[in-house]
Amino acid sequence: MKIIIPSPLYSYTQKREVEAVGSTLASLVDDLDRQYPGLKFRIIDEQNKIRPHMRFFVNDEQVFDLNRPVLPEYKIQIIQALSGG
């Protein structure tokens, strides 16, 4: 399924849209990390939780649970909040 990657993570994927397989968000992230080593650590912390500045949207709905089932026809978008002053 297609996953839209936030621009701060392009250094891993070199592109905005990538393909990944999995039946849950967690398995999609694992597949992304297999294809783009190090990407998972930028999205998921050491306690296996979504990092505070990262957001997942499944079919335009924000999702907080990595165990959320996904289907190949779903639209998955990862958003990274930026902060600073």
PDB file of N, CA and C in Angstrom:
ATOM      1  N   MET A   1       0.839  -1.174   0.000  1.00  0.00           N
ATOM      2  CA  MET A   1       0.000   0.000   0.000  1.00  0.00           C
ATOM      3  C   MET A   1       0.880   1.232   0.000  1.00  0.00           C
ATOM      4  N   LYS A   2       0.334   2.304  -0.496  1.00  0.00           N
ATOM      5  CA  LYS A   2       1.093   3.548  -0.566  1.00  0.00           C
ATOM      6  C   LYS A   2       1.067   4.268   0.774  1.00  0.00           C
ATOM      7  N   ILE A   3       2.221   4.795   1.130  1.00  0.00           N
ATOM      8  CA  ILE A   3       2.356   5.557   2.365  1.00  0.00           C
ATOM      9  C   ILE A   3       3.029   6.879   2.010  1.00  0.00           C
ATOM     10  N   ILE A   4       2.419   7.965   2.471  1.00  0.00           N
ATOM     11  CA  ILE A   4       2.982   9.290   2.234  1.00  0.00           C
ATOM     12  C   ILE A   4       3.901   9.628   3.395  1.00  0.00           C
ATOM     13  N   ILE A   5       5.125   9.974   3.044  1.00  0.00           N
ATOM     14  CA  ILE A   5       6.187  10.225   4.024  1.00  0.00           C
ATOM     15  C   ILE A   5       6.366  11.731   4.221  1.00  0.00           C
ATOM     16  N   PRO A   6       6.563  12.194   5.460  1.00  0.00           N
ATOM     17  CA  PRO A   6       6.805  13.628   5.676  1.00  0.00           C
ATOM     18  C   PRO A   6       8.185  14.039   5.152  1.00  0.00           C
ATOM     19  N   SER A   7       8.274  15.250   4.666  1.00  0.00           N
ATOM     20  CA  SER A   7       9.526  15.706   4.046  1.00  0.00           C
ATOM     21  C   SER A   7      10.758  15.580   4.955  1.00  0.00           C
ATOM     22  N   PRO A   8      10.654  15.774   6.292  1.00  0.00           N
ATOM     23  CA  PRO A   8      11.872  15.592   7.109  1.00  0.00           C
ATOM     24  C   PRO A   8      12.442  14.174   7.056  1.00  0.00           C
ATOM     25  N   LEU A   9      11.654  13.213   6.580  1.00  0.00           N
ATOM     26  CA  LEU A   9      12.142  11.824   6.503  1.00  0.00           C
ATOM     27  C   LEU A   9      12.524  11.404   5.091  1.00  0.00           C
ATOM     28  N   TYR A  10      12.497  12.351   4.171  1.00  0.00           N
ATOM     29  CA  TYR A  10      12.894  12.031   2.795  1.00  0.00           C
ATOM     30  C   TYR A  10      14.340  11.535   2.730  1.00  0.00           C
ATOM     31  N   SER A  11      15.143  11.934   3.684  1.00  0.00           N
ATOM     32  CA  SER A  11      16.547  11.488   3.649  1.00  0.00           C
ATOM     33  C   SER A  11      16.639   9.965   3.743  1.00  0.00           C
ATOM     34  N   TYR A  12      15.606   9.327   4.297  1.00  0.00           N
ATOM     35  CA  TYR A  12      15.591   7.870   4.375  1.00  0.00           C
ATOM     36  C   TYR A  12      15.036   7.256   3.094  1.00  0.00           C
ATOM     37  N   THR A  13      13.929   7.840   2.586  1.00  0.00           N
ATOM     38  CA  THR A  13      13.212   7.213   1.471  1.00  0.00           C
ATOM     39  C   THR A  13      13.569   7.798   0.104  1.00  0.00           C
ATOM     40  N   GLN A  14      14.059   9.039   0.096  1.00  0.00           N
ATOM     41  CA  GLN A  14      14.391   9.757  -1.140  1.00  0.00           C
ATOM     42  C   GLN A  14      13.157  10.072  -1.981  1.00  0.00           C
ATOM     43  N   LYS A  15      11.958   9.855  -1.419  1.00  0.00           N
ATOM     44  CA  LYS A  15      10.743  10.172  -2.162  1.00  0.00           C
ATOM     45  C   LYS A  15       9.570  10.357  -1.207  1.00  0.00           C
ATOM     46  N   ARG A  16       8.519  10.968  -1.752  1.00  0.00           N
ATOM     47  CA  ARG A  16       7.345  11.315  -0.943  1.00  0.00           C
ATOM     48  C   ARG A  16       6.427  10.123  -0.711  1.00  0.00           C
ATOM     49  N   GLU A  17       6.269   9.283  -1.698  1.00  0.00           N
ATOM     50  CA  GLU A  17       5.402   8.120  -1.571  1.00  0.00           C
ATOM     51  C   GLU A  17       6.217   6.848  -1.677  1.00  0.00           C
ATOM     52  N   VAL A  18       5.926   5.919  -0.761  1.00  0.00           N
ATOM     53  CA  VAL A  18       6.609   4.630  -0.787  1.00  0.00           C
ATOM     54  C   VAL A  18       5.564   3.528  -0.663  1.00  0.00           C
ATOM     55  N   GLU A  19       5.966   2.328  -0.946  1.00  0.00           N
ATOM     56  CA  GLU A  19       5.105   1.156  -0.809  1.00  0.00           C
ATOM     57  C   GLU A  19       5.563   0.345   0.396  1.00  0.00           C
ATOM     58  N   ALA A  20       4.596  -0.199   1.125  1.00  0.00           N
ATOM     59  CA  ALA A  20       4.906  -1.088   2.247  1.00  0.00           C
ATOM     60  C   ALA A  20       3.776  -2.097   2.373  1.00  0.00           C
ATOM     61  N   VAL A  21       4.079  -3.200   3.045  1.00  0.00           N
ATOM     62  CA  VAL A  21       3.061  -4.229   3.273  1.00  0.00           C
ATOM     63  C   VAL A  21       2.930  -4.466   4.769  1.00  0.00           C
ATOM     64  N   GLY A  22       1.723  -4.864   5.168  1.00  0.00           N
ATOM     65  CA  GLY A  22       1.464  -5.175   6.562  1.00  0.00           C
ATOM     66  C   GLY A  22      -0.019  -5.162   6.829  1.00  0.00           C
ATOM     67  N   SER A  23      -0.389  -5.799   7.927  1.00  0.00           N
ATOM     68  CA  SER A  23      -1.812  -5.861   8.271  1.00  0.00           C
ATOM     69  C   SER A  23      -2.177  -4.876   9.375  1.00  0.00           C
ATOM     70  N   THR A  24      -1.164  -4.272  10.016  1.00  0.00           N
ATOM     71  CA  THR A  24      -1.388  -3.244  11.039  1.00  0.00           C
ATOM     72  C   THR A  24      -0.398  -2.105  10.791  1.00  0.00           C
ATOM     73  N   LEU A  25      -0.633  -0.981  11.470  1.00  0.00           N
ATOM     74  CA  LEU A  25       0.334   0.118  11.332  1.00  0.00           C
ATOM     75  C   LEU A  25       1.720  -0.321  11.799  1.00  0.00           C
ATOM     76  N   ALA A  26       1.780  -1.091  12.881  1.00  0.00           N
ATOM     77  CA  ALA A  26       3.077  -1.548  13.389  1.00  0.00           C
ATOM     78  C   ALA A  26       3.814  -2.389  12.351  1.00  0.00           C
ATOM     79  N   SER A  27       3.108  -3.276  11.681  1.00  0.00           N
ATOM     80  CA  SER A  27       3.776  -4.117  10.678  1.00  0.00           C
ATOM     81  C   SER A  27       4.169  -3.295   9.447  1.00  0.00           C
ATOM     82  N   LEU A  28       3.396  -2.253   9.137  1.00  0.00           N
ATOM     83  CA  LEU A  28       3.811  -1.353   8.043  1.00  0.00           C
ATOM     84  C   LEU A  28       5.112  -0.643   8.390  1.00  0.00           C
ATOM     85  N   VAL A  29       5.200  -0.158   9.629  1.00  0.00           N
ATOM     86  CA  VAL A  29       6.417   0.536  10.052  1.00  0.00           C
ATOM     87  C   VAL A  29       7.608  -0.425  10.035  1.00  0.00           C
ATOM     88  N   ASP A  30       7.377  -1.667  10.454  1.00  0.00           N
ATOM     89  CA  ASP A  30       8.456  -2.666  10.398  1.00  0.00           C
ATOM     90  C   ASP A  30       8.918  -2.882   8.951  1.00  0.00           C
ATOM     91  N   ASP A  31       7.956  -2.946   8.032  1.00  0.00           N
ATOM     92  CA  ASP A  31       8.329  -3.133   6.625  1.00  0.00           C
ATOM     93  C   ASP A  31       9.061  -1.904   6.092  1.00  0.00           C
ATOM     94  N   LEU A  32       8.610  -0.720   6.487  1.00  0.00           N
ATOM     95  CA  LEU A  32       9.331   0.494   6.063  1.00  0.00           C
ATOM     96  C   LEU A  32      10.773   0.467   6.580  1.00  0.00           C
ATOM     97  N   ASP A  33      10.941   0.036   7.828  1.00  0.00           N
ATOM     98  CA  ASP A  33      12.286   0.006   8.407  1.00  0.00           C
ATOM     99  C   ASP A  33      13.165  -1.040   7.722  1.00  0.00           C
ATOM    100  N   ARG A  34      12.540  -2.117   7.259  1.00  0.00           N
ATOM    101  CA  ARG A  34      13.304  -3.132   6.513  1.00  0.00           C
ATOM    102  C   ARG A  34      13.817  -2.535   5.196  1.00  0.00           C
ATOM    103  N   GLN A  35      12.956  -1.734   4.563  1.00  0.00           N
ATOM    104  CA  GLN A  35      13.329  -1.133   3.281  1.00  0.00           C
ATOM    105  C   GLN A  35      14.231   0.100   3.448  1.00  0.00           C
ATOM    106  N   TYR A  36      13.975   0.843   4.521  1.00  0.00           N
ATOM    107  CA  TYR A  36      14.694   2.098   4.768  1.00  0.00           C
ATOM    108  C   TYR A  36      15.224   2.071   6.205  1.00  0.00           C
ATOM    109  N   PRO A  37      16.343   1.392   6.418  1.00  0.00           N
ATOM    110  CA  PRO A  37      16.855   1.201   7.785  1.00  0.00           C
ATOM    111  C   PRO A  37      17.006   2.527   8.542  1.00  0.00           C
ATOM    112  N   GLY A  38      16.526   2.487   9.773  1.00  0.00           N
ATOM    113  CA  GLY A  38      16.610   3.655  10.648  1.00  0.00           C
ATOM    114  C   GLY A  38      15.339   4.488  10.673  1.00  0.00           C
ATOM    115  N   LEU A  39      14.466   4.283   9.720  1.00  0.00           N
ATOM    116  CA  LEU A  39      13.238   5.080   9.634  1.00  0.00           C
ATOM    117  C   LEU A  39      12.334   4.844  10.843  1.00  0.00           C
ATOM    118  N   LYS A  40      12.222   3.597  11.281  1.00  0.00           N
ATOM    119  CA  LYS A  40      11.329   3.280  12.411  1.00  0.00           C
ATOM    120  C   LYS A  40      11.713   4.070  13.654  1.00  0.00           C
ATOM    121  N   PHE A  41      12.987   4.182  13.930  1.00  0.00           N
ATOM    122  CA  PHE A  41      13.435   4.885  15.131  1.00  0.00           C
ATOM    123  C   PHE A  41      13.026   6.355  15.099  1.00  0.00           C
ATOM    124  N   ARG A  42      12.886   6.916  13.937  1.00  0.00           N
ATOM    125  CA  ARG A  42      12.445   8.317  13.832  1.00  0.00           C
ATOM    126  C   ARG A  42      10.943   8.465  14.061  1.00  0.00           C
ATOM    127  N   ILE A  43      10.202   7.351  13.979  1.00  0.00           N
ATOM    128  CA  ILE A  43       8.743   7.385  14.104  1.00  0.00           C
ATOM    129  C   ILE A  43       8.275   6.799  15.434  1.00  0.00           C
ATOM    130  N   ILE A  44       8.946   5.740  15.883  1.00  0.00           N
ATOM    131  CA  ILE A  44       8.547   4.984  17.075  1.00  0.00           C
ATOM    132  C   ILE A  44       9.665   5.048  18.109  1.00  0.00           C
ATOM    133  N   ASP A  45       9.295   5.278  19.392  1.00  0.00           N
ATOM    134  CA  ASP A  45      10.331   5.389  20.425  1.00  0.00           C
ATOM    135  C   ASP A  45      10.730   4.017  20.979  1.00  0.00           C
ATOM    136  N   GLU A  46      11.603   4.037  21.987  1.00  0.00           N
ATOM    137  CA  GLU A  46      12.132   2.804  22.563  1.00  0.00           C
ATOM    138  C   GLU A  46      11.064   1.996  23.305  1.00  0.00           C
ATOM    139  N   GLN A  47       9.962   2.645  23.699  1.00  0.00           N
ATOM    140  CA  GLN A  47       8.862   1.949  24.370  1.00  0.00           C
ATOM    141  C   GLN A  47       7.812   1.467  23.372  1.00  0.00           C
ATOM    142  N   ASN A  48       8.166   1.512  22.104  1.00  0.00           N
ATOM    143  CA  ASN A  48       7.278   1.079  21.014  1.00  0.00           C
ATOM    144  C   ASN A  48       6.009   1.934  20.924  1.00  0.00           C
ATOM    145  N   LYS A  49       6.150   3.232  21.185  1.00  0.00           N
ATOM    146  CA  LYS A  49       5.038   4.174  21.081  1.00  0.00           C
ATOM    147  C   LYS A  49       5.365   5.191  19.992  1.00  0.00           C
ATOM    148  N   ILE A  50       4.311   5.734  19.404  1.00  0.00           N
ATOM    149  CA  ILE A  50       4.493   6.768  18.384  1.00  0.00           C
ATOM    150  C   ILE A  50       5.131   7.988  19.038  1.00  0.00           C
ATOM    151  N   ARG A  51       6.205   8.486  18.446  1.00  0.00           N
ATOM    152  CA  ARG A  51       6.872   9.659  19.015  1.00  0.00           C
ATOM    153  C   ARG A  51       5.899  10.844  19.045  1.00  0.00           C
ATOM    154  N   PRO A  52       6.027  11.726  20.057  1.00  0.00           N
ATOM    155  CA  PRO A  52       5.059  12.821  20.234  1.00  0.00           C
ATOM    156  C   PRO A  52       4.908  13.741  19.025  1.00  0.00           C
ATOM    157  N   HIS A  53       5.929  13.902  18.238  1.00  0.00           N
ATOM    158  CA  HIS A  53       5.855  14.826  17.106  1.00  0.00           C
ATOM    159  C   HIS A  53       5.423  14.133  15.812  1.00  0.00           C
ATOM    160  N   MET A  54       5.088  12.845  15.904  1.00  0.00           N
ATOM    161  CA  MET A  54       4.663  12.097  14.720  1.00  0.00           C
ATOM    162  C   MET A  54       3.173  11.800  14.799  1.00  0.00           C
ATOM    163  N   ARG A  55       2.528  11.809  13.654  1.00  0.00           N
ATOM    164  CA  ARG A  55       1.100  11.490  13.578  1.00  0.00           C
ATOM    165  C   ARG A  55       0.859  10.525  12.415  1.00  0.00           C
ATOM    166  N   PHE A  56      -0.069   9.606  12.641  1.00  0.00           N
ATOM    167  CA  PHE A  56      -0.511   8.695  11.585  1.00  0.00           C
ATOM    168  C   PHE A  56      -1.943   9.050  11.218  1.00  0.00           C
ATOM    169  N   PHE A  57      -2.206   9.070   9.935  1.00  0.00           N
ATOM    170  CA  PHE A  57      -3.566   9.244   9.443  1.00  0.00           C
ATOM    171  C   PHE A  57      -3.887   8.063   8.527  1.00  0.00           C
ATOM    172  N   VAL A  58      -5.016   7.434   8.817  1.00  0.00           N
ATOM    173  CA  VAL A  58      -5.514   6.332   7.995  1.00  0.00           C
ATOM    174  C   VAL A  58      -6.825   6.804   7.388  1.00  0.00           C
ATOM    175  N   ASN A  59      -6.851   6.918   6.082  1.00  0.00           N
ATOM    176  CA  ASN A  59      -8.038   7.448   5.390  1.00  0.00           C
ATOM    177  C   ASN A  59      -8.460   8.781   6.005  1.00  0.00           C
ATOM    178  N   ASP A  60      -7.498   9.653   6.228  1.00  0.00           N
ATOM    179  CA  ASP A  60      -7.700  11.009   6.752  1.00  0.00           C
ATOM    180  C   ASP A  60      -8.166  11.062   8.207  1.00  0.00           C
ATOM    181  N   GLU A  61      -8.120   9.947   8.907  1.00  0.00           N
ATOM    182  CA  GLU A  61      -8.484   9.911  10.329  1.00  0.00           C
ATOM    183  C   GLU A  61      -7.219   9.676  11.147  1.00  0.00           C
ATOM    184  N   GLN A  62      -7.002  10.551  12.163  1.00  0.00           N
ATOM    185  CA  GLN A  62      -5.809  10.373  12.982  1.00  0.00           C
ATOM    186  C   GLN A  62      -5.928   9.116  13.824  1.00  0.00           C
ATOM    187  N   VAL A  63      -4.842   8.342  13.863  1.00  0.00           N
ATOM    188  CA  VAL A  63      -4.812   7.060  14.564  1.00  0.00           C
ATOM    189  C   VAL A  63      -3.660   7.088  15.560  1.00  0.00           C
ATOM    190  N   PHE A  64      -3.944   6.604  16.789  1.00  0.00           N
ATOM    191  CA  PHE A  64      -2.931   6.608  17.850  1.00  0.00           C
ATOM    192  C   PHE A  64      -2.458   5.203  18.208  1.00  0.00           C
ATOM    193  N   ASP A  65      -3.144   4.194  17.704  1.00  0.00           N
ATOM    194  CA  ASP A  65      -2.865   2.806  18.061  1.00  0.00           C
ATOM    195  C   ASP A  65      -2.115   2.105  16.929  1.00  0.00           C
ATOM    196  N   LEU A  66      -0.909   1.663  17.214  1.00  0.00           N
ATOM    197  CA  LEU A  66      -0.113   0.972  16.197  1.00  0.00           C
ATOM    198  C   LEU A  66      -0.692  -0.391  15.826  1.00  0.00           C
ATOM    199  N   ASN A  67      -1.602  -0.900  16.641  1.00  0.00           N
ATOM    200  CA  ASN A  67      -2.232  -2.187  16.325  1.00  0.00           C
ATOM    201  C   ASN A  67      -3.447  -2.027  15.424  1.00  0.00           C
ATOM    202  N   ARG A  68      -3.694  -0.830  14.970  1.00  0.00           N
ATOM    203  CA  ARG A  68      -4.824  -0.565  14.078  1.00  0.00           C
ATOM    204  C   ARG A  68      -4.667  -1.389  12.798  1.00  0.00           C
ATOM    205  N   PRO A  69      -5.669  -2.217  12.486  1.00  0.00           N
ATOM    206  CA  PRO A  69      -5.611  -2.977  11.230  1.00  0.00           C
ATOM    207  C   PRO A  69      -5.674  -2.035  10.022  1.00  0.00           C
ATOM    208  N   VAL A  70      -5.001  -2.406   8.966  1.00  0.00           N
ATOM    209  CA  VAL A  70      -5.031  -1.633   7.721  1.00  0.00           C
ATOM    210  C   VAL A  70      -5.246  -2.592   6.553  1.00  0.00           C
ATOM    211  N   LEU A  71      -5.846  -2.055   5.517  1.00  0.00           N
ATOM    212  CA  LEU A  71      -6.089  -2.835   4.307  1.00  0.00           C
ATOM    213  C   LEU A  71      -5.333  -2.185   3.151  1.00  0.00           C
ATOM    214  N   PRO A  72      -5.005  -2.966   2.126  1.00  0.00           N
ATOM    215  CA  PRO A  72      -4.210  -2.428   1.013  1.00  0.00           C
ATOM    216  C   PRO A  72      -4.810  -1.195   0.341  1.00  0.00           C
ATOM    217  N   GLU A  73      -6.122  -1.053   0.361  1.00  0.00           N
ATOM    218  CA  GLU A  73      -6.733   0.094  -0.305  1.00  0.00           C
ATOM    219  C   GLU A  73      -6.750   1.351   0.569  1.00  0.00           C
ATOM    220  N   TYR A  74      -6.300   1.258   1.814  1.00  0.00           N
ATOM    221  CA  TYR A  74      -6.297   2.417   2.697  1.00  0.00           C
ATOM    222  C   TYR A  74      -5.222   3.421   2.276  1.00  0.00           C
ATOM    223  N   LYS A  75      -5.510   4.675   2.586  1.00  0.00           N
ATOM    224  CA  LYS A  75      -4.539   5.753   2.372  1.00  0.00           C
ATOM    225  C   LYS A  75      -3.856   6.014   3.719  1.00  0.00           C
ATOM    226  N   ILE A  76      -2.546   5.850   3.744  1.00  0.00           N
ATOM    227  CA  ILE A  76      -1.778   6.041   4.975  1.00  0.00           C
ATOM    228  C   ILE A  76      -0.878   7.252   4.799  1.00  0.00           C
ATOM    229  N   GLN A  77      -0.925   8.149   5.775  1.00  0.00           N
ATOM    230  CA  GLN A  77      -0.065   9.327   5.730  1.00  0.00           C
ATOM    231  C   GLN A  77       0.606   9.484   7.091  1.00  0.00           C
ATOM    232  N   ILE A  78       1.894   9.744   7.056  1.00  0.00           N
ATOM    233  CA  ILE A  78       2.652  10.032   8.267  1.00  0.00           C
ATOM    234  C   ILE A  78       2.967  11.524   8.234  1.00  0.00           C
ATOM    235  N   ILE A  79       2.658  12.191   9.326  1.00  0.00           N
ATOM    236  CA  ILE A  79       2.891  13.632   9.431  1.00  0.00           C
ATOM    237  C   ILE A  79       3.879  13.869  10.561  1.00  0.00           C
ATOM    238  N   GLN A  80       4.813  14.774  10.342  1.00  0.00           N
ATOM    239  CA  GLN A  80       5.744  15.143  11.401  1.00  0.00           C
ATOM    240  C   GLN A  80       5.553  16.604  11.723  1.00  0.00           C
ATOM    241  N   ALA A  81       5.219  16.883  12.987  1.00  0.00           N
ATOM    242  CA  ALA A  81       5.066  18.265  13.432  1.00  0.00           C
ATOM    243  C   ALA A  81       6.446  18.899  13.570  1.00  0.00           C
ATOM    244  N   LEU A  82       6.535  20.146  13.225  1.00  0.00           N
ATOM    245  CA  LEU A  82       7.779  20.890  13.376  1.00  0.00           C
ATOM    246  C   LEU A  82       7.565  21.938  14.450  1.00  0.00           C
ATOM    247  N   SER A  83       8.592  22.191  15.218  1.00  0.00           N
ATOM    248  CA  SER A  83       8.487  23.223  16.249  1.00  0.00           C
ATOM    249  C   SER A  83       9.791  23.991  16.301  1.00  0.00           C
ATOM    250  N   GLY A  84       9.755  25.048  17.004  1.00  0.00           N
ATOM    251  CA  GLY A  84      10.947  25.877  17.126  1.00  0.00           C
ATOM    252  C   GLY A  84      10.522  27.308  17.350  1.00  0.00           C
ATOM    253  N   GLY A  85      11.460  28.130  17.489  1.00  0.00           N
ATOM    254  CA  GLY A  85      11.061  29.505  17.733  1.00  0.00           C
ATOM    255  C   GLY A  85      12.105  30.484  17.326  1.00  0.00           C
TER     256      GLY A  85
END
